[in-house]
C-alpha cells in the first residue's frame, strides 16, 4: 500500500512518518518478527504496522500472512495486551502451510499495541533520532503476560554485556525477560550532482529504496522540483554546498552533470568526505579528464581510483538508456552500502546456502 505522496511504505522511515501523522486518530499495533528458524521471507527485526481500520503497512512475509496478522492485530487492539503468534510453513495444520507458502520455515511475530500508556513504544523518539541521523538499538520485550514495552539504547551490544557495535538483531534474556535488540540506521543519504533528464530515473530509483536524496545543479533549466518531487534540491554550484548541506551526512554521491567543470568541482568537494560510494558518469577517458580538472594531487587521484570512485558507474546489467543506467547504478550503490558482493543469489545459494529464501540484511 502506498501513502505519503507515493513514498514506499515498506521502509521503516515511511512507516514511522505514516504512524506519527495519525498516531492519535487511529488505534495502532506494531508487528515485529522476533525469531525465525529455517528459510523465511523476512528476518528478525522486520516490522509492520496495523491500524484499527483493518489496514496494514509494510510486510512480514511476501504478502501471504499479512491478512492473518491483521486479524490477530485487531484482537490485540481489543484486549490492549501484547501477544505472539507463530507460523510454521512445514506443518500441514498451520495456516502458513495451508496458504501454500513455499519457504517452509518458522516465523514468530510479536504484536504490541501502540498507546500513550506505553509511551507509544518509543516510536516518536525513534523517528526523531533516525531523522537526526542517529543510529540506535530498538529493544522490545517479548510479551509473556501481555505487557508491551520498548526501549532505545545506543548502537552497541550493551544489553549483552559487551561494548561493541551491534550489527544484527539479537534475541537475549535480561533479568528474566526476553528482549529483541534491533540495530536501526538512518536511511542512506545520496547526493546527485546534475539535474538533467537522465537524473530523473536515477532519483526515482533512489526514492524507491526509501533513501534520502539531495540534488545539486546551478543551471536554471535543470533540477526543477516538478521533475524531482521527493528530492531536496540545491540550485547552486557544488562549491556552495558546504554552507547549505552537511556533507558528512552523505553516504553516496553520483556526479552526472554532463559538464566537466561541474563534475570536477563535485569530485574536489567530496573526495575527502566519509563516502562509501562516489560515482562519476562516463567512460574512463572522461574520468581522467575530470580528475585532471579537479586539480587534486596525483596521489589523491590514485587514492580515489583505487578507493570509493566508480567510473563508469553501475553494474554490468546491459542497457544504455537512462532507466537502465539508473537501475545499474542503484544496484551498485545498494550492494556497496550493504557490503554485499552483487553476485547472483542462485550461485551463492547453490554453493553454500541451499535454504536461502530472503534478501534481508539490516531492517530498513
Protein backbone atom coordinates (compact mmCIF):
# COMPACT_ATOMS: atom_id res chain seq x y z
CA UNK A 1 0.00 0.00 0.00
CA UNK A 2 1.29 3.45 -0.89
CA UNK A 3 0.81 6.58 1.19
CA UNK A 4 2.58 9.86 1.96
CA UNK A 5 2.57 11.01 -1.68
CA UNK A 6 3.72 7.68 -3.06
CA UNK A 7 6.55 7.05 -0.59
CA UNK A 8 7.41 3.33 -0.30
CA UNK A 9 5.61 2.18 2.84
CA UNK A 10 7.69 -0.96 3.30
CA UNK A 11 10.55 1.17 4.64
CA UNK A 12 10.68 1.89 8.35
CA UNK A 13 11.12 5.64 7.97
CA UNK A 14 7.94 5.91 5.91
CA UNK A 15 6.07 3.64 8.32
CA UNK A 16 7.05 5.87 11.23
CA UNK A 17 6.02 9.02 9.34
CA UNK A 18 2.66 7.47 8.50
CA UNK A 19 2.05 6.43 12.10
CA UNK A 20 3.23 9.76 13.55
CA UNK A 21 0.79 11.76 11.43
CA UNK A 22 -2.12 9.56 12.56
CA UNK A 23 -0.95 8.36 15.97
CA UNK A 24 -3.91 9.72 17.95
CA UNK A 25 -6.64 9.41 15.34
CA UNK A 26 -6.36 5.63 14.94
CA UNK A 27 -5.56 2.59 17.02
CA UNK A 28 -2.22 1.02 16.10
CA UNK A 29 -0.34 -2.24 16.55
CA UNK A 30 3.34 -2.83 15.83
CA UNK A 31 4.15 -6.24 14.40
CA UNK A 32 7.76 -7.43 14.60
CA UNK A 33 9.45 -10.66 13.56
CA UNK A 34 11.43 -11.64 16.65
CA UNK A 35 12.61 -15.14 15.74
CA UNK A 36 12.87 -17.34 12.66
CA UNK A 37 14.02 -20.88 12.02
CA UNK A 38 14.86 -22.09 8.55
CA UNK A 39 14.10 -20.05 5.42
CA UNK A 40 11.75 -17.08 5.71
CA UNK A 41 10.88 -14.06 3.59
CA UNK A 42 11.73 -11.54 6.33
CA UNK A 43 14.15 -11.95 9.21
CA UNK A 44 14.18 -10.94 12.88
CA UNK A 45 13.77 -7.20 13.37
CA UNK A 46 11.42 -6.71 10.41
CA UNK A 47 8.40 -4.56 11.26
CA UNK A 48 4.94 -3.66 10.02
CA UNK A 49 2.04 -1.55 11.30
CA UNK A 50 -1.65 -2.41 11.56
CA UNK A 51 -4.45 0.06 12.30
CA UNK A 52 -7.98 -0.21 13.65
CA UNK A 53 -9.43 0.28 10.16
CA UNK A 54 -8.19 -3.16 9.15
CA UNK A 55 -5.28 -1.87 7.09
CA UNK A 56 -1.64 -2.87 7.28
CA UNK A 57 1.54 -1.15 6.19
CA UNK A 58 4.78 -2.96 5.50
CA UNK A 59 5.45 -6.66 5.09
CA UNK A 60 6.44 -9.50 7.40
CA UNK A 61 6.03 -12.09 4.65
CA UNK A 62 5.72 -11.93 0.90
CA UNK A 63 2.12 -10.80 1.34
CA UNK A 64 0.82 -14.26 2.26
CA UNK A 65 0.41 -13.84 6.02
CA UNK A 66 -0.46 -10.17 6.34
CA UNK A 67 -4.24 -10.64 6.40
CA UNK A 68 -3.96 -13.21 9.18
CA UNK A 69 -1.51 -11.00 11.07
CA UNK A 70 -4.00 -8.13 10.74
CA UNK A 71 -6.72 -10.35 12.23
CA UNK A 72 -4.54 -11.04 15.27
CA UNK A 73 -3.63 -7.34 15.48
CA UNK A 74 -7.29 -6.37 15.80
CA UNK A 75 -7.56 -8.76 18.74
CA UNK A 76 -4.51 -7.10 20.29
CA UNK A 77 -6.24 -3.74 19.91
CA UNK A 78 -9.37 -5.06 21.62
CA UNK A 79 -7.51 -6.55 24.58
CA UNK A 80 -4.81 -3.90 24.85
CA UNK A 81 -2.28 -6.65 25.50
CA UNK A 82 0.77 -7.69 23.54
CA UNK A 83 0.79 -11.17 22.05
CA UNK A 84 2.94 -13.50 20.00
CA UNK A 85 1.96 -15.62 17.01
CA UNK A 86 3.86 -18.36 15.25
CA UNK A 87 3.71 -19.62 11.67
CA UNK A 88 5.22 -22.93 10.60
CA UNK A 89 5.47 -23.45 6.86
CA UNK A 90 6.31 -27.14 7.31
CA UNK A 91 3.27 -28.01 9.47
CA UNK A 92 0.32 -29.20 7.39
CA UNK A 93 -2.09 -27.98 10.08
CA UNK A 94 -0.59 -24.49 10.25
CA UNK A 95 -2.17 -21.57 8.38
CA UNK A 96 1.20 -20.83 6.76
CA UNK A 97 1.26 -24.29 5.17
CA UNK A 98 -2.39 -24.08 4.16
CA UNK A 99 -1.77 -20.79 2.38
CA UNK A 100 0.80 -22.54 0.20
CA UNK A 101 3.82 -20.59 1.41
CA UNK A 102 6.88 -22.18 -0.15
CA UNK A 103 9.68 -21.06 2.18
CA UNK A 104 8.91 -23.82 4.69
CA UNK A 105 10.45 -22.13 7.73
CA UNK A 106 9.10 -20.95 11.06
CA UNK A 107 8.37 -17.31 11.86
CA UNK A 108 7.49 -15.91 15.29
CA UNK A 109 5.92 -12.46 15.46
CA UNK A 110 5.41 -10.05 18.35
CA UNK A 111 2.28 -7.85 18.29
CA UNK A 112 2.36 -4.78 20.53
CA UNK A 113 -0.38 -2.16 20.96
CA UNK A 114 0.93 1.38 20.49
CA UNK A 115 -0.67 3.56 23.17
CA UNK A 116 0.03 6.68 25.25
CA UNK A 117 0.23 4.39 28.30
CA UNK A 118 3.33 2.63 26.94
CA UNK A 119 4.73 5.91 25.57
CA UNK A 120 3.90 4.80 22.04
CA UNK A 121 6.61 2.12 22.32
CA UNK A 122 9.18 4.94 22.00
CA UNK A 123 8.30 5.23 18.30
CA UNK A 124 8.11 9.03 18.33
CA UNK A 125 11.59 9.22 19.83
CA UNK A 126 12.84 6.54 17.42
CA UNK A 127 11.51 8.56 14.48
CA UNK A 128 13.15 11.71 15.82
CA UNK A 129 16.54 10.08 16.25
CA UNK A 130 16.53 8.50 12.81
CA UNK A 131 15.55 11.83 11.26
CA UNK A 132 18.52 13.34 13.10
CA UNK A 133 20.62 10.56 11.55
CA UNK A 134 21.38 8.92 14.88
CA UNK A 135 21.73 5.10 14.82
CA UNK A 136 20.04 3.34 17.73
CA UNK A 137 19.14 -0.06 19.12
CA UNK A 138 15.38 -0.58 19.42
CA UNK A 139 14.68 -3.02 22.26
CA UNK A 140 11.32 -4.81 22.53
CA UNK A 141 10.28 -7.12 25.33
CA UNK A 142 8.78 -10.33 24.01
CA UNK A 143 5.45 -10.48 25.82
CA UNK A 144 4.73 -13.22 28.33
CA UNK A 145 1.92 -11.58 30.29
CA UNK A 146 0.55 -9.07 27.82
CA UNK A 147 2.98 -6.27 28.65
CA UNK A 148 4.06 -4.00 25.79
CA UNK A 149 7.47 -2.49 26.44
CA UNK A 150 10.14 -0.94 24.25
CA UNK A 151 13.36 0.99 24.87
CA UNK A 152 16.01 2.84 22.91
CA UNK A 153 19.70 2.25 23.53
CA UNK A 154 22.97 3.38 21.91
CA UNK A 155 24.12 1.31 18.96
CA UNK A 156 26.23 -1.17 20.89
CA UNK A 157 25.66 -4.59 22.38
CA UNK A 158 25.49 -3.24 25.95
CA UNK A 159 22.39 -5.33 26.56
CA UNK A 160 24.56 -8.39 26.01
CA UNK A 161 27.25 -7.25 28.43
CA UNK A 162 29.77 -6.13 25.81
CA UNK A 163 30.50 -2.70 24.39
CA UNK A 164 30.79 -3.38 20.67
CA UNK A 165 28.65 -2.20 17.74
CA UNK A 166 25.57 -4.35 17.29
CA UNK A 167 25.42 -5.49 13.66
CA UNK A 168 22.35 -7.73 13.58
CA UNK A 169 19.15 -8.18 15.59
CA UNK A 170 19.85 -10.23 18.71
CA UNK A 171 17.36 -12.02 20.96
CA UNK A 172 18.70 -12.01 24.51
CA UNK A 173 17.44 -12.63 28.04
CA UNK A 174 17.81 -9.86 30.61
CA UNK A 175 16.53 -10.06 34.20
CA UNK A 176 14.31 -12.98 33.33
CA UNK A 177 12.73 -11.30 30.31
CA UNK A 178 13.35 -11.95 26.62
CA UNK A 179 14.28 -8.86 24.60
CA UNK A 180 14.74 -8.35 20.88
CA UNK A 181 17.59 -5.90 20.24
CA UNK A 182 17.37 -4.46 16.73
CA UNK A 183 20.03 -2.07 15.38
CA UNK A 184 18.42 0.64 13.26
CA UNK A 185 20.31 3.01 10.99
CA UNK A 186 19.16 6.24 9.31
CA UNK A 187 18.11 5.92 5.68
CA UNK A 188 21.08 6.30 3.33
CA UNK A 189 21.62 9.84 2.04
CA UNK A 190 22.55 10.10 -1.64
CA UNK A 191 23.66 13.26 -3.45
CA UNK A 192 23.17 13.68 -7.19
CA UNK A 193 25.19 16.44 -8.86
CA UNK A 194 23.41 17.25 -12.10
CA UNK A 195 19.68 17.57 -12.63
CA UNK A 196 19.26 16.73 -16.30
CA UNK A 197 16.76 14.42 -17.93
CA UNK A 198 18.78 11.29 -17.16
CA UNK A 199 18.92 12.21 -13.46
CA UNK A 200 15.15 11.79 -13.13
CA UNK A 201 15.08 7.96 -13.28
CA UNK A 202 18.21 7.94 -11.09
CA UNK A 203 16.41 9.91 -8.38
CA UNK A 204 13.30 7.74 -8.79
CA UNK A 205 15.33 4.58 -8.23
CA UNK A 206 16.89 6.04 -5.09
CA UNK A 207 13.50 7.23 -3.82
CA UNK A 208 12.04 3.75 -4.32
CA UNK A 209 14.64 2.40 -1.88
CA UNK A 210 13.50 4.85 0.78
CA UNK A 211 16.77 6.77 0.55
CA UNK A 212 17.14 10.47 1.30
CA UNK A 213 18.03 12.19 -1.98
CA UNK A 214 19.66 15.60 -2.41
CA UNK A 215 20.17 17.22 -5.80
CA UNK A 216 22.66 19.94 -6.78
CA UNK A 217 22.70 21.88 -10.05
CA UNK A 218 23.26 25.62 -10.59
CA UNK A 219 21.67 25.71 -14.05
CA UNK A 220 18.15 27.24 -14.16
CA UNK A 221 16.81 24.74 -16.70
CA UNK A 222 17.81 21.74 -14.58
CA UNK A 223 16.81 20.21 -11.24
CA UNK A 224 13.27 21.55 -11.38
CA UNK A 225 11.29 20.42 -8.31
CA UNK A 226 8.41 19.28 -10.51
CA UNK A 227 10.69 16.62 -12.00
CA UNK A 228 12.26 15.66 -8.67
CA UNK A 229 9.29 15.72 -6.26
CA UNK A 230 10.85 13.65 -3.48
CA UNK A 231 14.29 15.27 -3.51
CA UNK A 232 15.81 18.23 -1.73
CA UNK A 233 17.13 20.50 -4.47
CA UNK A 234 20.01 22.96 -4.16
CA UNK A 235 20.16 25.45 -7.03
CA UNK A 236 23.84 26.25 -6.57
CA UNK A 237 27.35 25.40 -7.70
CA UNK A 238 28.86 22.38 -5.87
CA UNK A 239 31.39 24.73 -4.25
CA UNK A 240 28.49 26.43 -2.41
CA UNK A 241 27.07 23.22 -0.96
CA UNK A 242 29.04 23.23 2.34
CA UNK A 243 27.01 26.23 3.53
CA UNK A 244 23.72 24.54 2.72
CA UNK A 245 24.17 20.82 3.36
CA UNK A 246 26.04 18.70 5.90
CA UNK A 247 28.35 16.86 3.53
CA UNK A 248 29.36 14.40 6.25
CA UNK A 249 25.78 13.09 6.23
CA UNK A 250 26.14 11.84 2.65
CA UNK A 251 26.67 8.10 2.20
CA UNK A 252 26.91 8.04 -1.59
CA UNK A 253 27.17 10.57 -4.40
CA UNK A 254 26.83 10.49 -8.18
CA UNK A 255 28.27 13.22 -10.42
CA UNK A 256 26.31 13.28 -13.67
CA UNK A 257 26.04 16.91 -14.74
CA UNK A 258 27.40 16.29 -18.26
CA UNK A 259 29.67 19.24 -17.57
CA UNK A 260 33.35 18.58 -16.98
CA UNK A 261 33.84 21.62 -14.77
CA UNK A 262 30.83 20.90 -12.53
CA UNK A 263 31.74 17.24 -12.17
CA UNK A 264 35.33 18.19 -11.35
CA UNK A 265 34.06 20.58 -8.67
CA UNK A 266 31.93 17.79 -7.22
CA UNK A 267 34.88 15.39 -7.08
CA UNK A 268 37.08 18.07 -5.50
CA UNK A 269 34.38 18.83 -2.92
CA UNK A 270 33.66 15.24 -1.96
CA UNK A 271 36.96 13.43 -2.24
CA UNK A 272 37.83 13.69 1.46
CA UNK A 273 34.32 13.13 2.81
CA UNK A 274 33.40 9.83 4.52
CA UNK A 275 31.56 8.49 1.48
CA UNK A 276 31.00 4.81 0.85
CA UNK A 277 30.45 5.42 -2.86
CA UNK A 278 31.43 8.21 -5.27
CA UNK A 279 30.23 7.67 -8.82
CA UNK A 280 31.10 9.57 -11.99
CA UNK A 281 29.04 9.14 -15.15
CA UNK A 282 31.00 8.42 -18.30
CA UNK A 283 33.90 6.28 -19.57
CA UNK A 284 37.41 6.04 -18.13
CA UNK A 285 38.72 8.68 -20.55
CA UNK A 286 36.20 11.19 -19.20
CA UNK A 287 37.06 10.19 -15.64
CA UNK A 288 40.68 11.10 -16.31
CA UNK A 289 39.66 14.48 -17.74
CA UNK A 290 37.51 15.26 -14.72
CA UNK A 291 40.23 14.26 -12.27
CA UNK A 292 42.74 16.46 -14.08
CA UNK A 293 40.34 19.42 -13.99
CA UNK A 294 39.69 18.84 -10.30
CA UNK A 295 43.23 19.97 -9.54
CA UNK A 296 43.70 17.23 -6.96
CA UNK A 297 47.24 15.97 -6.36
CA UNK A 298 48.11 12.81 -8.28
CA UNK A 299 48.28 10.86 -5.03
CA UNK A 300 44.69 11.84 -4.18
CA UNK A 301 43.54 10.94 -7.68
CA UNK A 302 45.11 7.50 -7.40
CA UNK A 303 43.56 7.02 -3.98
CA UNK A 304 40.13 7.80 -5.41
CA UNK A 305 40.59 5.49 -8.41
CA UNK A 306 41.57 2.59 -6.16
CA UNK A 307 39.03 3.51 -3.48
CA UNK A 308 35.47 4.83 -3.49
CA UNK A 309 35.39 6.29 -7.02
CA UNK A 310 33.35 4.30 -9.53
CA UNK A 311 33.69 5.34 -13.16
CA UNK A 312 31.98 4.13 -15.24
CA UNK A 313 29.11 3.82 -12.77
CA UNK A 314 26.83 0.85 -12.31
CA UNK A 315 26.83 -2.92 -12.52
CA UNK A 316 27.10 -4.64 -15.89
CA UNK A 317 23.39 -5.32 -16.38
CA UNK A 318 23.13 -4.36 -20.03
CA UNK A 319 21.18 -1.46 -21.49
CA UNK A 320 22.24 2.07 -22.34
CA UNK A 321 19.20 4.27 -21.73
CA UNK A 322 18.81 6.45 -18.61
CA UNK A 323 16.45 3.99 -16.94
CA UNK A 324 18.91 1.11 -17.36
CA UNK A 325 21.84 3.21 -16.15
CA UNK A 326 19.80 4.27 -13.12
CA UNK A 327 18.92 0.66 -12.30
CA UNK A 328 22.54 -0.48 -12.65
CA UNK A 329 23.83 2.42 -10.55
CA UNK A 330 21.24 2.00 -7.82
CA UNK A 331 22.03 -1.72 -7.63
CA UNK A 332 25.76 -0.98 -7.34
CA UNK A 333 25.24 1.59 -4.58
CA UNK A 334 22.86 -0.76 -2.77
CA UNK A 335 25.46 -3.53 -2.79
CA UNK A 336 28.18 -1.18 -1.51
CA UNK A 337 26.05 0.24 1.29
CA UNK A 338 25.02 -3.25 2.40
CA UNK A 339 28.56 -4.63 1.98
CA UNK A 340 27.41 -7.27 -0.49
CA UNK A 341 29.21 -8.75 -3.48
CA UNK A 342 26.37 -8.19 -6.00
CA UNK A 343 26.81 -11.83 -7.07
CA UNK A 344 23.75 -13.81 -8.16
CA UNK A 345 21.93 -15.40 -5.22
CA UNK A 346 21.39 -18.51 -7.34
CA UNK A 347 25.13 -19.11 -7.38
CA UNK A 348 25.57 -18.28 -3.70
CA UNK A 349 22.70 -20.46 -2.51
CA UNK A 350 23.74 -23.46 -4.62
CA UNK A 351 27.28 -23.28 -3.26
CA UNK A 352 26.71 -22.61 0.41
CA UNK A 353 23.15 -21.79 1.42
CA UNK A 354 20.56 -24.01 -0.27
CA UNK A 355 17.91 -22.77 2.19
CA UNK A 356 18.20 -19.07 1.25
CA UNK A 357 14.75 -17.53 0.77
CA UNK A 358 15.39 -13.91 1.67
CA UNK A 359 17.29 -10.82 0.59
CA UNK A 360 17.09 -9.32 4.07
CA UNK A 361 20.06 -7.70 5.77
CA UNK A 362 19.59 -4.98 8.38
CA UNK A 363 15.98 -3.86 8.82
CA UNK A 364 15.20 -0.84 6.65
